[in-house]
Amino acid sequence: MRVVVGLLSVDLFISDAAGLKDRRRVVKSLLDRLTDRHNVAAADLGPDRATQATLAVTTVANDEAHVHRVLNGALNMIRSEPRAVCERAEIEIL
């Protein structure tokens, strides 16, 4: 059986964050929605600066096309977040 692992890494700029509490509110909301709607594992990788965040999103399947669809859906959701700007996004298939 073939196992396909996909990783999406995203750098965000959170312009309205006055402090880490504001940053955490935006990031936690995104992570919760990603896991609920796209059935992925998602994590905040830092940095601990109020206006910046790096997220990692991963999924596993036996079909590479499915992995791409899931991660692209997750990326579209992240890009639609009005409180954050996607500065960089990269999808890796392992």
C-alpha atoms as a PDB file:
ATOM      1  CA  MET A   1       0.000   0.000   0.000  1.00  0.00           C
ATOM      2  CA  ARG A   2       1.279   3.438  -0.944  1.00  0.00           C
ATOM      3  CA  VAL A   3       1.370   6.169   1.700  1.00  0.00           C
ATOM      4  CA  VAL A   4       1.437   9.808   0.598  1.00  0.00           C
ATOM      5  CA  VAL A   5       2.232  12.519   3.147  1.00  0.00           C
ATOM      6  CA  GLY A   6       1.548  16.142   2.323  1.00  0.00           C
ATOM      7  CA  LEU A   7       2.889  19.177   4.165  1.00  0.00           C
ATOM      8  CA  LEU A   8       1.726  22.750   3.765  1.00  0.00           C
ATOM      9  CA  SER A   9       3.822  25.448   5.403  1.00  0.00           C
ATOM     10  CA  VAL A  10       2.530  29.017   5.499  1.00  0.00           C
ATOM     11  CA  ASP A  11       4.022  32.286   6.728  1.00  0.00           C
ATOM     12  CA  LEU A  12       1.418  34.823   7.819  1.00  0.00           C
ATOM     13  CA  PHE A  13       1.476  38.538   8.561  1.00  0.00           C
ATOM     14  CA  ILE A  14      -1.148  39.578  11.118  1.00  0.00           C
ATOM     15  CA  SER A  15      -1.366  43.336  10.720  1.00  0.00           C
ATOM     16  CA  ASP A  16      -3.914  44.119  13.440  1.00  0.00           C
ATOM     17  CA  ALA A  17      -2.186  42.146  16.209  1.00  0.00           C
ATOM     18  CA  ALA A  18      -1.171  44.552  18.966  1.00  0.00           C
ATOM     19  CA  GLY A  19       0.340  41.754  21.042  1.00  0.00           C
ATOM     20  CA  LEU A  20       0.780  38.018  21.352  1.00  0.00           C
ATOM     21  CA  LYS A  21      -2.749  37.607  22.699  1.00  0.00           C
ATOM     22  CA  ASP A  22      -4.195  39.040  19.458  1.00  0.00           C
ATOM     23  CA  ARG A  23      -1.877  36.830  17.413  1.00  0.00           C
ATOM     24  CA  ARG A  24      -2.896  33.701  19.341  1.00  0.00           C
ATOM     25  CA  ARG A  25      -6.590  34.519  18.841  1.00  0.00           C
ATOM     26  CA  VAL A  26      -6.177  34.651  15.040  1.00  0.00           C
ATOM     27  CA  VAL A  27      -3.904  31.596  14.866  1.00  0.00           C
ATOM     28  CA  LYS A  28      -6.035  29.454  17.190  1.00  0.00           C
ATOM     29  CA  SER A  29      -9.148  30.273  15.183  1.00  0.00           C
ATOM     30  CA  LEU A  30      -7.408  29.269  11.952  1.00  0.00           C
ATOM     31  CA  LEU A  31      -6.008  26.042  13.406  1.00  0.00           C
ATOM     32  CA  ASP A  32      -9.382  25.027  14.839  1.00  0.00           C
ATOM     33  CA  ARG A  33     -11.176  25.654  11.534  1.00  0.00           C
ATOM     34  CA  LEU A  34      -8.484  23.820   9.548  1.00  0.00           C
ATOM     35  CA  THR A  35      -8.741  20.683  11.661  1.00  0.00           C
ATOM     36  CA  ASP A  36     -12.555  20.770  11.750  1.00  0.00           C
ATOM     37  CA  ARG A  37     -13.208  21.431   8.059  1.00  0.00           C
ATOM     38  CA  HIS A  38     -10.314  19.724   6.297  1.00  0.00           C
ATOM     39  CA  ASN A  39      -9.488  16.773   8.569  1.00  0.00           C
ATOM     40  CA  VAL A  40      -5.807  17.722   8.814  1.00  0.00           C
ATOM     41  CA  ALA A  41      -3.260  18.098  11.569  1.00  0.00           C
ATOM     42  CA  ALA A  42      -2.211  21.731  12.013  1.00  0.00           C
ATOM     43  CA  ALA A  43       0.274  23.480  14.277  1.00  0.00           C
ATOM     44  CA  ASP A  44       1.647  26.919  15.066  1.00  0.00           C
ATOM     45  CA  LEU A  45       5.428  26.851  14.638  1.00  0.00           C
ATOM     46  CA  GLY A  46       6.086  30.405  15.804  1.00  0.00           C
ATOM     47  CA  PRO A  47       7.762  32.844  15.839  1.00  0.00           C
ATOM     48  CA  ASP A  48       6.724  34.584  19.029  1.00  0.00           C
ATOM     49  CA  ARG A  49       6.240  37.949  17.368  1.00  0.00           C
ATOM     50  CA  ALA A  50       2.847  39.605  17.450  1.00  0.00           C
ATOM     51  CA  THR A  51       2.527  40.215  13.710  1.00  0.00           C
ATOM     52  CA  GLN A  52       4.037  36.997  12.326  1.00  0.00           C
ATOM     53  CA  ALA A  53       3.070  33.337  12.371  1.00  0.00           C
ATOM     54  CA  THR A  54       4.204  30.160  10.670  1.00  0.00           C
ATOM     55  CA  LEU A  55       1.679  27.354  10.335  1.00  0.00           C
ATOM     56  CA  ALA A  56       2.238  23.736   9.346  1.00  0.00           C
ATOM     57  CA  VAL A  57      -0.625  21.638   7.990  1.00  0.00           C
ATOM     58  CA  THR A  58      -0.302  17.961   7.140  1.00  0.00           C
ATOM     59  CA  THR A  59      -2.417  15.136   5.815  1.00  0.00           C
ATOM     60  CA  VAL A  60      -1.872  11.496   4.903  1.00  0.00           C
ATOM     61  CA  ALA A  61      -3.636   9.438   2.230  1.00  0.00           C
ATOM     62  CA  ASN A  62      -2.969   6.748  -0.343  1.00  0.00           C
ATOM     63  CA  ASP A  63      -3.694   9.074  -3.293  1.00  0.00           C
ATOM     64  CA  GLU A  64      -1.457  12.019  -4.182  1.00  0.00           C
ATOM     65  CA  ALA A  65      -4.280  13.886  -5.935  1.00  0.00           C
ATOM     66  CA  HIS A  66      -6.384  13.700  -2.765  1.00  0.00           C
ATOM     67  CA  VAL A  67      -3.512  15.085  -0.686  1.00  0.00           C
ATOM     68  CA  HIS A  68      -3.157  18.017  -3.118  1.00  0.00           C
ATOM     69  CA  ARG A  69      -6.907  18.723  -2.991  1.00  0.00           C
ATOM     70  CA  VAL A  70      -6.984  18.718   0.812  1.00  0.00           C
ATOM     71  CA  LEU A  71      -3.930  20.958   1.190  1.00  0.00           C
ATOM     72  CA  ASN A  72      -5.080  23.366  -1.530  1.00  0.00           C
ATOM     73  CA  GLY A  73      -8.452  23.615   0.222  1.00  0.00           C
ATOM     74  CA  ALA A  74      -6.673  24.368   3.485  1.00  0.00           C
ATOM     75  CA  LEU A  75      -4.513  26.997   1.779  1.00  0.00           C
ATOM     76  CA  ASN A  76      -7.565  28.664   0.226  1.00  0.00           C
ATOM     77  CA  MET A  77      -9.177  28.842   3.648  1.00  0.00           C
ATOM     78  CA  ILE A  78      -6.036  30.401   5.148  1.00  0.00           C
ATOM     79  CA  ARG A  79      -5.839  32.944   2.312  1.00  0.00           C
ATOM     80  CA  SER A  80      -9.483  33.905   2.881  1.00  0.00           C
ATOM     81  CA  GLU A  81      -8.800  34.858   6.524  1.00  0.00           C
ATOM     82  CA  PRO A  82      -9.321  38.653   6.623  1.00  0.00           C
ATOM     83  CA  ARG A  83      -7.148  39.130   9.726  1.00  0.00           C
ATOM     84  CA  ALA A  84      -4.002  37.626   8.171  1.00  0.00           C
ATOM     85  CA  VAL A  85      -2.030  37.966   4.939  1.00  0.00           C
ATOM     86  CA  CYS A  86      -0.346  34.904   3.449  1.00  0.00           C
ATOM     87  CA  GLU A  87       3.232  35.947   2.711  1.00  0.00           C
ATOM     88  CA  ARG A  88       4.533  32.525   1.653  1.00  0.00           C
ATOM     89  CA  ALA A  89       3.020  29.110   1.125  1.00  0.00           C
ATOM     90  CA  GLU A  90       4.666  25.857   0.096  1.00  0.00           C
ATOM     91  CA  ILE A  91       3.224  22.390  -0.446  1.00  0.00           C
ATOM     92  CA  GLU A  92       5.523  19.384  -0.221  1.00  0.00           C
ATOM     93  CA  ILE A  93       4.564  15.814  -1.059  1.00  0.00           C
ATOM     94  CA  LEU A  94       6.609  13.098   0.628  1.00  0.00           C
END
